[in-house]
N, C-alpha and C. Protein backbone atom coordinates (compact mmCIF):
# COMPACT_ATOMS: atom_id res chain seq x y z
N MET A 1 83.58 231.94 220.83
CA MET A 1 82.86 230.84 220.34
C MET A 1 81.35 230.82 220.71
N SER A 2 80.42 230.76 220.21
CA SER A 2 79.11 230.92 220.81
C SER A 2 78.93 230.40 222.05
N ASP A 3 78.11 230.02 222.51
CA ASP A 3 77.13 229.89 224.25
C ASP A 3 76.49 228.48 223.58
N LEU A 4 75.56 228.67 222.18
CA LEU A 4 75.38 227.62 221.79
C LEU A 4 76.41 226.94 221.74
N THR A 5 77.50 227.08 220.57
CA THR A 5 78.71 225.99 220.63
C THR A 5 79.52 225.49 221.52
N ASP A 6 79.30 226.17 222.76
CA ASP A 6 80.45 225.57 223.85
C ASP A 6 79.01 224.25 224.25
N LEU A 7 77.39 225.04 224.18
CA LEU A 7 77.14 223.38 224.61
C LEU A 7 77.00 222.45 224.04
N TYR A 8 76.85 222.93 222.30
CA TYR A 8 76.53 221.55 221.68
C TYR A 8 78.39 220.53 222.18
N ARG A 9 79.16 221.83 222.19
CA ARG A 9 80.31 220.14 222.36
C ARG A 9 80.36 219.20 224.10
N GLU A 10 79.70 219.86 225.21
CA GLU A 10 79.50 219.94 225.85
C GLU A 10 78.61 219.03 226.25
N VAL A 11 77.04 218.77 225.66
CA VAL A 11 76.31 217.56 225.83
C VAL A 11 76.91 216.60 225.51
N ILE A 12 77.35 216.89 224.00
CA ILE A 12 77.80 216.20 223.10
C ILE A 12 78.28 214.96 223.55
N LEU A 13 79.46 215.29 224.44
CA LEU A 13 80.27 214.83 224.50
C LEU A 13 79.88 213.75 225.57
N ASP A 14 79.29 214.64 226.71
CA ASP A 14 78.69 213.80 228.48
C ASP A 14 77.99 212.51 227.66
N HIS A 15 77.03 213.11 226.95
CA HIS A 15 75.98 212.31 226.59
C HIS A 15 76.51 210.94 225.91
N ASN A 16 78.01 211.16 224.93
CA ASN A 16 78.18 210.31 224.07
C ASN A 16 79.12 208.73 225.13
N ARG A 17 80.16 210.34 226.31
CA ARG A 17 80.58 209.15 227.05
C ARG A 17 79.86 208.06 228.01
N GLN A 18 79.09 208.93 228.39
CA GLN A 18 78.21 208.69 229.72
C GLN A 18 76.44 208.42 228.96
N PRO A 19 76.18 207.56 228.17
CA PRO A 19 74.71 207.49 227.34
C PRO A 19 74.01 207.67 228.82
N ARG A 20 72.86 208.17 228.85
CA ARG A 20 71.60 207.73 229.37
C ARG A 20 70.22 206.05 228.87
N ASN A 21 70.46 205.57 229.91
CA ASN A 21 68.84 205.19 229.28
C ASN A 21 70.01 203.51 228.54
N PHE A 22 70.77 203.30 228.46
CA PHE A 22 71.73 202.66 227.39
C PHE A 22 71.20 201.39 228.13
N GLY A 23 70.92 200.43 227.10
CA GLY A 23 70.66 198.88 227.33
C GLY A 23 69.12 198.43 226.95
N GLU A 24 69.69 197.17 227.08
CA GLU A 24 67.61 196.57 226.63
C GLU A 24 66.45 197.01 227.74
N LEU A 25 65.65 196.88 227.08
CA LEU A 25 64.42 196.55 227.99
C LEU A 25 63.43 195.49 227.87
N ASP A 26 64.09 194.55 228.74
CA ASP A 26 62.97 193.01 228.28
C ASP A 26 61.63 193.18 228.10
N ASP A 27 60.80 194.14 228.47
CA ASP A 27 59.71 193.74 228.63
C ASP A 27 59.06 194.82 227.82
N ALA A 28 59.85 195.49 227.35
CA ALA A 28 58.75 196.58 226.06
C ALA A 28 58.42 196.41 225.33
N ASP A 29 57.05 196.94 224.55
CA ASP A 29 55.92 196.80 223.61
C ASP A 29 56.53 197.02 222.33
N ARG A 30 57.47 197.74 222.32
CA ARG A 30 57.92 198.02 221.01
C ARG A 30 59.34 198.13 221.15
N VAL A 31 59.94 197.69 219.67
CA VAL A 31 61.69 197.22 219.66
C VAL A 31 61.62 197.67 218.60
N ILE A 32 62.56 198.42 218.13
CA ILE A 32 62.96 199.33 216.62
C ILE A 32 64.45 199.44 216.70
N GLU A 33 64.77 198.32 215.08
CA GLU A 33 66.32 198.33 214.62
C GLU A 33 66.43 199.56 213.90
N GLY A 34 67.50 200.60 214.43
CA GLY A 34 67.84 201.89 212.72
C GLY A 34 69.13 201.16 212.91
N VAL A 35 69.44 202.21 211.49
CA VAL A 35 70.84 201.35 210.97
C VAL A 35 71.22 203.11 209.74
N ASN A 36 72.16 203.96 210.27
CA ASN A 36 72.13 204.79 208.89
C ASN A 36 73.39 204.20 208.35
N PRO A 37 73.47 203.74 207.22
CA PRO A 37 74.65 203.16 206.54
C PRO A 37 75.37 203.72 205.84
N LEU A 38 75.56 205.28 205.88
CA LEU A 38 76.43 206.39 205.66
C LEU A 38 77.57 206.63 206.59
N CYS A 39 77.03 206.59 208.07
CA CYS A 39 78.10 206.70 208.94
C CYS A 39 78.82 205.08 209.93
N GLY A 40 77.55 204.55 209.43
CA GLY A 40 77.98 202.96 209.89
C GLY A 40 76.91 202.68 211.65
N ASP A 41 76.40 204.07 212.00
CA ASP A 41 75.36 203.58 213.55
C ASP A 41 74.25 202.86 213.37
N ARG A 42 74.36 202.22 214.18
CA ARG A 42 73.24 200.76 214.62
C ARG A 42 72.76 200.87 215.69
N MET A 43 71.30 201.28 216.30
CA MET A 43 71.14 200.95 217.31
C MET A 43 69.54 200.56 217.19
N THR A 44 69.17 199.99 218.21
CA THR A 44 67.91 199.42 218.51
C THR A 44 67.16 200.42 219.81
N LEU A 45 66.26 200.56 219.36
CA LEU A 45 65.49 200.93 220.58
C LEU A 45 64.23 200.30 220.79
N TYR A 46 64.37 200.72 222.28
CA TYR A 46 62.42 200.16 223.47
C TYR A 46 61.98 200.44 223.91
N ILE A 47 60.73 200.74 223.69
CA ILE A 47 59.82 201.52 224.01
C ILE A 47 59.15 200.81 225.15
N LYS A 48 58.46 201.19 226.10
CA LYS A 48 57.41 200.09 227.67
C LYS A 48 55.78 201.54 227.23
N LEU A 49 55.28 201.24 226.54
CA LEU A 49 54.19 202.29 226.88
C LEU A 49 52.65 201.96 227.73
N ASP A 50 52.94 203.19 228.55
CA ASP A 50 51.66 202.90 229.58
C ASP A 50 50.27 203.67 229.53
N ASP A 51 49.53 203.22 229.44
CA ASP A 51 48.13 204.16 228.99
C ASP A 51 48.18 205.83 228.03
N GLY A 52 49.14 205.25 227.06
CA GLY A 52 48.81 206.57 226.23
C GLY A 52 50.46 207.16 226.39
N ARG A 53 51.33 207.05 227.42
CA ARG A 53 52.18 207.70 227.73
C ARG A 53 54.04 206.68 227.31
N VAL A 54 54.78 207.43 227.84
CA VAL A 54 56.31 206.31 226.77
C VAL A 54 56.75 205.98 228.56
N ASP A 55 56.65 205.41 229.17
CA ASP A 55 56.49 205.16 230.21
C ASP A 55 58.12 204.48 230.61
N ASP A 56 58.60 203.71 230.16
CA ASP A 56 60.12 203.55 229.37
C ASP A 56 60.60 203.53 228.69
N VAL A 57 61.99 204.54 228.05
CA VAL A 57 62.81 204.03 226.89
C VAL A 57 63.66 203.62 227.58
N ARG A 58 64.73 202.76 226.35
CA ARG A 58 66.04 202.79 226.13
C ARG A 58 66.45 202.35 224.98
N PHE A 59 67.81 202.16 225.08
CA PHE A 59 68.83 201.76 223.31
C PHE A 59 69.81 201.06 223.92
N THR A 60 70.21 200.44 222.65
CA THR A 60 71.16 200.58 222.97
C THR A 60 72.42 200.03 221.39
N GLY A 61 73.11 199.92 221.20
CA GLY A 61 74.27 200.24 219.48
C GLY A 61 75.48 200.59 219.77
N THR A 62 75.62 200.68 218.75
CA THR A 62 77.03 201.58 218.59
C THR A 62 76.88 202.28 217.33
N GLY A 63 78.03 203.46 217.39
CA GLY A 63 77.81 204.71 216.48
C GLY A 63 78.00 205.74 216.73
N CYS A 64 78.34 206.72 216.07
CA CYS A 64 79.19 207.87 216.22
C CYS A 64 78.92 208.87 217.25
N ALA A 65 79.28 209.66 218.01
CA ALA A 65 79.37 210.75 218.93
C ALA A 65 77.66 211.13 218.89
N ILE A 66 77.68 211.27 217.73
CA ILE A 66 76.48 212.00 217.28
C ILE A 66 75.57 211.26 217.54
N SER A 67 75.37 210.33 217.22
CA SER A 67 74.64 209.74 217.05
C SER A 67 74.05 208.61 218.67
N VAL A 68 75.62 209.00 219.65
CA VAL A 68 75.06 208.00 220.56
C VAL A 68 74.56 208.98 221.71
N ALA A 69 74.63 210.01 221.27
CA ALA A 69 74.29 211.80 222.21
C ALA A 69 73.35 211.84 222.16
N SER A 70 72.88 211.80 220.36
CA SER A 70 71.14 212.10 220.18
C SER A 70 70.35 210.84 220.95
N SER A 71 70.54 209.45 220.66
CA SER A 71 69.92 208.73 221.36
C SER A 71 69.62 209.24 223.30
N SER A 72 70.73 209.01 223.43
CA SER A 72 70.62 209.30 225.36
C SER A 72 69.86 210.28 225.28
N LEU A 73 69.86 211.47 224.59
CA LEU A 73 68.95 213.22 224.91
C LEU A 73 67.44 212.52 224.96
N MET A 74 67.31 211.63 224.10
CA MET A 74 65.86 211.95 222.85
C MET A 74 65.32 210.89 224.37
N THR A 75 66.00 209.78 224.72
CA THR A 75 65.91 209.07 226.05
C THR A 75 65.50 209.51 227.11
N GLU A 76 66.44 210.23 227.27
CA GLU A 76 65.70 211.20 228.29
C GLU A 76 64.79 212.19 228.11
N ARG A 77 64.43 212.80 227.13
CA ARG A 77 63.76 214.05 227.08
C ARG A 77 62.02 212.91 226.64
N VAL A 78 61.68 211.78 226.10
CA VAL A 78 61.20 211.31 225.93
C VAL A 78 59.91 210.52 227.13
N LYS A 79 61.16 210.62 228.02
CA LYS A 79 60.56 209.71 229.27
C LYS A 79 58.92 209.81 230.02
N GLY A 80 58.11 208.90 229.86
CA GLY A 80 56.83 209.94 230.63
C GLY A 80 56.44 211.25 229.91
N THR A 81 56.26 211.31 228.63
CA THR A 81 56.04 211.78 227.71
C THR A 81 54.68 211.07 227.06
N THR A 82 53.34 211.83 226.83
CA THR A 82 52.39 211.08 225.70
C THR A 82 52.84 210.88 224.89
N VAL A 83 52.32 209.82 223.75
CA VAL A 83 52.68 209.54 223.07
C VAL A 83 52.44 211.19 221.99
N ASP A 84 51.88 211.47 221.56
CA ASP A 84 51.00 212.87 221.15
C ASP A 84 52.57 213.73 221.08
N GLU A 85 52.58 214.06 222.56
CA GLU A 85 53.56 214.66 223.45
C GLU A 85 55.30 213.70 222.28
N SER A 86 55.30 212.65 222.40
CA SER A 86 56.48 213.00 221.89
C SER A 86 57.03 213.26 220.49
N LEU A 87 55.77 212.86 219.72
CA LEU A 87 55.62 212.85 218.44
C LEU A 87 55.73 214.64 218.01
N ALA A 88 55.09 215.40 218.55
CA ALA A 88 55.59 216.95 218.65
C ALA A 88 56.64 217.23 218.64
N LEU A 89 57.38 216.72 219.51
CA LEU A 89 58.94 216.69 219.73
C LEU A 89 59.71 216.14 218.74
N PHE A 90 59.22 214.57 218.61
CA PHE A 90 59.77 214.52 216.84
C PHE A 90 60.28 215.25 215.94
N LYS A 91 58.63 216.24 215.54
CA LYS A 91 58.22 217.27 214.61
C LYS A 91 59.81 219.01 214.92
N GLN A 92 59.62 218.70 215.91
CA GLN A 92 60.39 219.81 216.70
C GLN A 92 61.83 219.87 216.98
N VAL A 93 61.80 218.87 217.07
CA VAL A 93 63.84 218.37 216.45
C VAL A 93 63.82 218.61 215.40
N HIS A 94 63.11 217.79 214.67
CA HIS A 94 63.59 217.40 212.70
C HIS A 94 63.79 218.13 211.97
N ARG A 95 62.18 219.44 212.76
CA ARG A 95 62.81 221.17 212.25
C ARG A 95 64.07 221.51 212.55
N MET A 96 64.41 221.44 213.68
CA MET A 96 65.77 222.27 214.19
C MET A 96 66.78 221.69 213.42
N LEU A 97 66.96 220.54 213.01
CA LEU A 97 67.95 219.43 212.19
C LEU A 97 67.85 219.92 210.84
N THR A 98 67.01 220.02 210.32
CA THR A 98 66.82 220.02 208.93
C THR A 98 66.61 221.34 207.94
N GLU A 99 66.00 222.50 208.85
CA GLU A 99 65.53 224.02 208.43
C GLU A 99 66.51 224.94 209.66
N GLN A 100 66.22 225.60 208.64
CA GLN A 100 66.71 227.65 209.91
C GLN A 100 65.95 227.65 210.48
N THR A 101 66.56 227.67 211.67
CA THR A 101 65.85 228.15 212.99
C THR A 101 66.17 229.11 213.98
N ASP A 102 65.69 230.05 214.21
CA ASP A 102 66.33 231.02 215.46
C ASP A 102 67.05 230.76 216.33
N GLU A 103 67.37 231.19 217.63
CA GLU A 103 68.26 230.12 218.46
C GLU A 103 67.26 230.23 219.42
N ASN A 104 66.14 231.15 219.20
CA ASN A 104 65.40 231.04 220.71
C ASN A 104 64.70 229.85 220.68
N GLU A 105 64.29 229.72 219.33
CA GLU A 105 63.55 228.08 218.87
C GLU A 105 63.98 227.09 219.48
N CYS A 106 65.14 227.26 219.02
CA CYS A 106 66.81 225.86 219.71
C CYS A 106 65.90 226.07 221.02
N THR A 107 66.72 227.26 222.21
CA THR A 107 67.02 227.12 223.83
C THR A 107 65.45 226.72 223.82
N GLU A 108 64.35 226.69 223.26
CA GLU A 108 63.20 226.16 223.52
C GLU A 108 62.84 224.69 224.27
N LEU A 109 63.53 224.11 223.38
CA LEU A 109 64.37 222.76 223.51
C LEU A 109 65.19 222.26 224.44
N GLY A 110 65.95 223.06 225.21
CA GLY A 110 66.53 222.60 226.34
C GLY A 110 67.53 222.02 225.77
N LYS A 111 68.17 221.42 226.32
CA LYS A 111 69.47 220.64 225.93
C LYS A 111 69.61 219.84 224.46
N LEU A 112 68.34 219.52 224.07
CA LEU A 112 68.20 218.91 223.22
C LEU A 112 68.61 220.13 221.59
N ALA A 113 68.86 221.70 222.04
CA ALA A 113 69.29 222.92 221.67
C ALA A 113 71.06 222.43 220.67
N ALA A 114 71.19 221.47 221.78
CA ALA A 114 73.06 221.27 221.64
C ALA A 114 73.09 220.09 220.15
N LEU A 115 71.31 219.62 220.28
CA LEU A 115 71.84 218.86 218.33
C LEU A 115 71.55 219.92 216.99
N SER A 116 71.40 221.14 217.52
CA SER A 116 71.22 222.18 216.05
C SER A 116 72.36 222.10 215.83
N GLY A 117 73.81 222.09 216.44
CA GLY A 117 75.47 222.80 215.24
C GLY A 117 75.27 221.09 214.33
N VAL A 118 74.43 220.61 214.54
CA VAL A 118 74.78 219.58 212.98
C VAL A 118 74.44 220.14 211.94
N ARG A 119 73.58 220.77 211.97
CA ARG A 119 73.35 221.67 210.88
C ARG A 119 74.53 222.19 209.33
N GLU A 120 75.73 222.96 210.68
CA GLU A 120 76.87 222.91 210.20
C GLU A 120 77.00 221.47 209.19
N TYR A 121 77.08 221.12 210.06
CA TYR A 121 77.50 219.47 209.08
C TYR A 121 76.40 218.23 208.54
N PRO A 122 76.00 219.35 207.02
CA PRO A 122 74.74 218.08 206.41
C PRO A 122 75.13 216.65 206.47
N SER A 123 76.07 216.05 206.77
CA SER A 123 76.23 214.34 206.89
C SER A 123 75.75 213.99 207.83
N ARG A 124 75.88 214.87 209.30
CA ARG A 124 75.64 214.18 210.15
C ARG A 124 73.70 214.34 210.57
N ILE A 125 73.53 215.10 209.93
CA ILE A 125 71.94 215.56 210.15
C ILE A 125 71.49 213.75 210.17
N LYS A 126 71.77 212.77 209.55
CA LYS A 126 71.84 211.56 209.35
C LYS A 126 71.49 211.00 210.86
N CYS A 127 73.02 211.04 211.75
CA CYS A 127 73.35 210.55 213.06
C CYS A 127 72.50 211.30 213.94
N ALA A 128 72.59 211.98 213.51
CA ALA A 128 71.76 212.75 215.07
C ALA A 128 69.60 212.70 214.86
N SER A 129 69.59 212.32 213.98
CA SER A 129 67.63 211.81 213.58
C SER A 129 67.61 210.57 213.73
N LEU A 130 69.03 209.57 213.70
CA LEU A 130 68.57 208.02 213.66
C LEU A 130 67.39 207.95 214.91
N ALA A 131 67.16 207.97 216.07
CA ALA A 131 67.37 207.79 216.68
C ALA A 131 65.59 208.45 217.02
N TRP A 132 65.39 209.82 216.20
CA TRP A 132 64.43 210.10 216.37
C TRP A 132 63.65 209.36 215.60
N HIS A 133 63.94 209.19 214.18
CA HIS A 133 62.79 208.44 212.93
C HIS A 133 62.98 206.71 213.86
N ALA A 134 63.48 206.54 214.78
CA ALA A 134 63.44 205.23 215.39
C ALA A 134 62.15 204.83 216.30
N LEU A 135 62.29 206.76 217.00
CA LEU A 135 60.87 206.64 218.36
C LEU A 135 59.80 206.77 216.90
N ARG A 136 59.49 208.06 215.89
CA ARG A 136 58.50 207.32 215.03
C ARG A 136 57.74 207.37 215.25
N THR A 137 58.68 205.90 214.35
CA THR A 137 58.39 204.57 213.83
C THR A 137 57.53 203.33 214.82
N ALA A 138 58.53 203.78 215.98
CA ALA A 138 57.98 202.95 216.86
C ALA A 138 56.20 203.60 217.53
N LEU A 139 56.15 204.68 217.93
CA LEU A 139 55.02 205.05 217.96
C LEU A 139 53.72 204.88 216.81
N THR A 140 54.35 205.27 215.84
CA THR A 140 53.44 204.92 214.71
C THR A 140 52.76 204.29 213.75
N SER A 141 54.65 203.04 213.57
CA SER A 141 53.95 202.20 212.78
C SER A 141 54.36 200.34 213.43
N ASP A 142 54.11 199.51 212.67
CA ASP A 142 54.27 197.65 212.78
C ASP A 142 55.79 198.00 212.41
N ASP A 143 56.65 198.45 211.51
CA ASP A 143 57.70 198.49 211.08
C ASP A 143 58.74 198.05 212.32
N GLU A 144 59.24 197.35 212.32
CA GLU A 144 60.54 196.43 212.75
C GLU A 144 61.76 197.17 212.64
N ALA A 145 62.19 198.44 211.71
CA ALA A 145 63.77 198.48 210.79
C ALA A 145 63.48 200.17 210.77
N ILE A 146 64.19 200.57 210.78
CA ILE A 146 64.31 201.67 209.99
C ILE A 146 65.66 201.66 209.05
N SER A 147 65.92 203.12 208.34
CA SER A 147 67.73 203.50 208.14
C SER A 147 66.86 204.09 207.17
N THR A 148 67.98 204.86 207.36
CA THR A 148 68.32 206.54 207.07
C THR A 148 68.87 207.20 205.60
N GLU A 149 68.81 206.22 204.61
CA GLU A 149 68.43 205.63 203.40
C GLU A 149 67.41 205.40 202.45
């Protein structure tokens, strides 16, 4: 088993069992609801912005281990970043999930590289990308809900 596969399993399981930044954010500037009807994942993303930065970010919801872990990893990574940095990170993660990328590109993403394992299971890509699409929508539009369909 490769190191990346081991990392994938360990990080996904850890973030599913103990999701970071889980819970509502009462003073959120943006609240986005997301659903993946194929798997049954449902999540709500809460973002508080301050001077062009993601000051705080949290999520609630239920879903498969990949969806919960991806939401947890995403919130950890974007907290404190600028809106532009968060959107650039969305593009990197989306590329990693949907296109063939080399291991060096994945390792540049740190723990987020654990999500690269979903490429082996195309039906799980929507599970991993739900939170990321919610993030992009929260930062770029006035929509209040997204769906992977």
